């Protein structure tokens, strides 16, 4: 084990700690950022996704007094989550912080991120099914949310 390996382990431990101590607000943002990272191509810059996540957060009452922290949280998670990050583990960690009604909000945000044009392709459906499972969203509720987004 060389000095670089030790440095990489320290960075990963630091990332794990950041993900492990989530507030409810951060958990919602983290789920949305994971969805953005998952749907992305390697050369995406995520500016549009970050703007979309910020707009979703600003329109939710839970962020009413925290508007100044939204962009900071989005940037923190966008920068922290890289190609080696286990997105499913991050979403699972966030899901453990969220109450059932907030899990539905998180799934709604995921759908908004994954389907920005309202079109549900097979690949998008597979990703959304995975998030519904991780967030423990009933299939009927997931379907209702997807129909709402498709009709916007």
Foldseek 3Di string as FASTA:
>chain_A
DDPVVVVVVVLVVVLCVVLQDDALLLLLLLLLLLLLVVLDDPPDPCPVSLVLSLVLLCPDPVCVVPNVCSSVSNVVNNVSDDPPDDSLVSNLSSLVNDDLVSLLSSLLSSLCNLCVVLDDDPVSVVVSVSSCVSNVPDPVSSVVSSVVSNVD
